[in-house]
Amino acid sequence: FLIINLSLVRKLQHDDAVTSMALSRDEKWVATGTSTGKAYVWNRDTGAQIACFDAHEGKVSKVAMTPKGWVVSAGGDGMVKVWQAELKPKPADPQPGEEQGEEQ
């Protein structure tokens, strides 16, 4: 392939150095790991941080996502951890004048 045009779509801001990242199979979610042992899950379309958790003591060296939404992390603490993540888009906030449960 010849890349003719490459444009930035999204930035996912971290407070620490990012040491690993993975994209979900459906490409809707991004998992990242950092140098301080934190792991994150992001919505790829909006850039919203969905989850942040203390994954490891020491840096996260690898993150992966399974087709069923599991997040697997490996860290400098010698541990591999498996996290169950229920990844669903957050419902839209009701618009002004619209009540919860009311269909239009």
Protein backbone atom coordinates (compact mmCIF):
# COMPACT_ATOMS: atom_id res chain seq x y z
CA PHE A 1 0.00 0.00 0.00
CA LEU A 2 1.05 3.53 -0.69
CA ILE A 3 -0.14 6.04 1.92
CA ILE A 4 -1.19 9.17 0.07
CA ASN A 5 -2.85 11.00 2.94
CA LEU A 6 -2.60 10.37 6.67
CA SER A 7 -4.69 12.44 9.07
CA LEU A 8 -4.83 12.39 12.87
CA VAL A 9 -8.24 11.20 14.06
CA ARG A 10 -7.96 11.14 17.86
CA LYS A 11 -5.54 11.90 20.70
CA LEU A 12 -5.83 9.99 23.98
CA GLN A 13 -4.11 12.09 26.64
CA HIS A 14 -2.24 10.31 29.45
CA ASP A 15 -0.44 11.76 32.47
CA ASP A 16 2.29 9.12 32.21
CA ALA A 17 4.32 7.51 29.42
CA VAL A 18 2.28 5.03 27.38
CA THR A 19 4.08 1.68 27.25
CA SER A 20 1.50 -0.46 25.45
CA MET A 21 -1.73 -0.22 23.52
CA ALA A 22 -4.24 -2.52 21.86
CA LEU A 23 -7.30 -2.01 19.68
CA SER A 24 -10.40 -4.16 20.14
CA ARG A 25 -11.36 -6.49 17.34
CA ASP A 26 -14.36 -4.31 16.40
CA GLU A 27 -12.06 -1.26 16.57
CA LYS A 28 -14.41 0.63 18.94
CA TRP A 29 -12.19 0.48 22.04
CA VAL A 30 -8.54 1.19 22.78
CA ALA A 31 -6.72 -0.25 25.81
CA THR A 32 -3.51 1.40 26.98
CA GLY A 33 -0.94 0.71 29.69
CA THR A 34 1.44 3.19 31.29
CA SER A 35 4.83 3.41 32.95
CA THR A 36 3.18 3.85 36.37
CA GLY A 37 1.15 0.61 36.23
CA LYS A 38 -2.19 2.10 35.23
CA ALA A 39 -4.34 0.66 32.45
CA TYR A 40 -7.08 2.49 30.61
CA VAL A 41 -9.92 1.70 28.22
CA TRP A 42 -10.99 4.42 25.78
CA ASN A 43 -13.81 4.91 23.31
CA ARG A 44 -12.04 5.23 19.98
CA ASP A 45 -14.76 7.38 18.37
CA THR A 46 -15.18 9.97 21.13
CA GLY A 47 -11.84 9.74 22.93
CA ALA A 48 -13.74 9.32 26.22
CA GLN A 49 -11.91 7.45 28.98
CA ILE A 50 -14.16 4.51 29.88
CA ALA A 51 -12.05 2.96 32.63
CA CYS A 52 -8.85 3.56 34.57
CA PHE A 53 -7.46 0.98 36.96
CA ASP A 54 -4.28 0.25 38.88
CA ALA A 55 -3.16 -2.79 36.92
CA HIS A 56 0.41 -3.41 38.13
CA GLU A 57 3.15 -2.38 40.52
CA GLY A 58 5.61 -1.07 37.98
CA LYS A 59 5.02 -0.44 34.31
CA VAL A 60 2.44 -2.17 32.17
CA SER A 61 4.52 -3.89 29.51
CA LYS A 62 1.65 -5.24 27.40
CA VAL A 63 -2.12 -4.94 27.07
CA ALA A 64 -4.41 -6.97 24.83
CA MET A 65 -8.15 -7.13 24.22
CA THR A 66 -10.11 -10.26 23.39
CA PRO A 67 -13.12 -10.42 21.07
CA LYS A 68 -15.38 -10.84 24.12
CA GLY A 69 -14.14 -7.65 25.79
CA TRP A 70 -11.57 -9.04 28.23
CA VAL A 71 -8.52 -6.87 28.89
CA VAL A 72 -5.29 -8.77 29.58
CA SER A 73 -2.27 -6.95 31.01
CA ALA A 74 1.30 -7.95 31.76
CA GLY A 75 3.49 -5.90 34.03
CA GLY A 76 6.90 -5.33 35.50
CA ASP A 77 5.66 -6.95 38.72
CA GLY A 78 5.82 -10.39 37.08
CA MET A 79 2.04 -10.71 36.87
CA VAL A 80 -0.35 -11.29 33.99
CA LYS A 81 -3.86 -10.15 34.90
CA VAL A 82 -7.16 -10.73 33.16
CA TRP A 83 -9.85 -8.08 33.54
CA GLN A 84 -13.47 -8.53 32.55
CA ALA A 85 -14.71 -5.36 30.90
CA GLU A 86 -18.29 -4.87 29.84
CA LEU A 87 -17.84 -2.47 26.95
CA LYS A 88 -21.08 -0.82 25.90
CA PRO A 89 -21.56 2.65 24.50
CA LYS A 90 -22.83 5.03 27.17
CA PRO A 91 -26.46 6.07 26.54
CA ALA A 92 -26.82 9.60 25.27
CA ASP A 93 -27.81 12.21 27.84
CA PRO A 94 -31.45 13.32 27.50
CA GLN A 95 -31.91 16.50 25.52
CA PRO A 96 -33.48 19.54 27.24
CA GLY A 97 -37.23 18.99 27.58
CA GLU A 98 -36.87 15.24 26.96
CA GLU A 99 -37.64 12.91 29.86
CA GLN A 100 -35.94 9.61 30.61
CA GLY A 101 -37.69 6.69 28.89
CA GLU A 102 -39.72 8.94 26.59
CA GLU A 103 -39.52 7.92 22.97
CA GLN A 104 -39.90 10.36 20.14
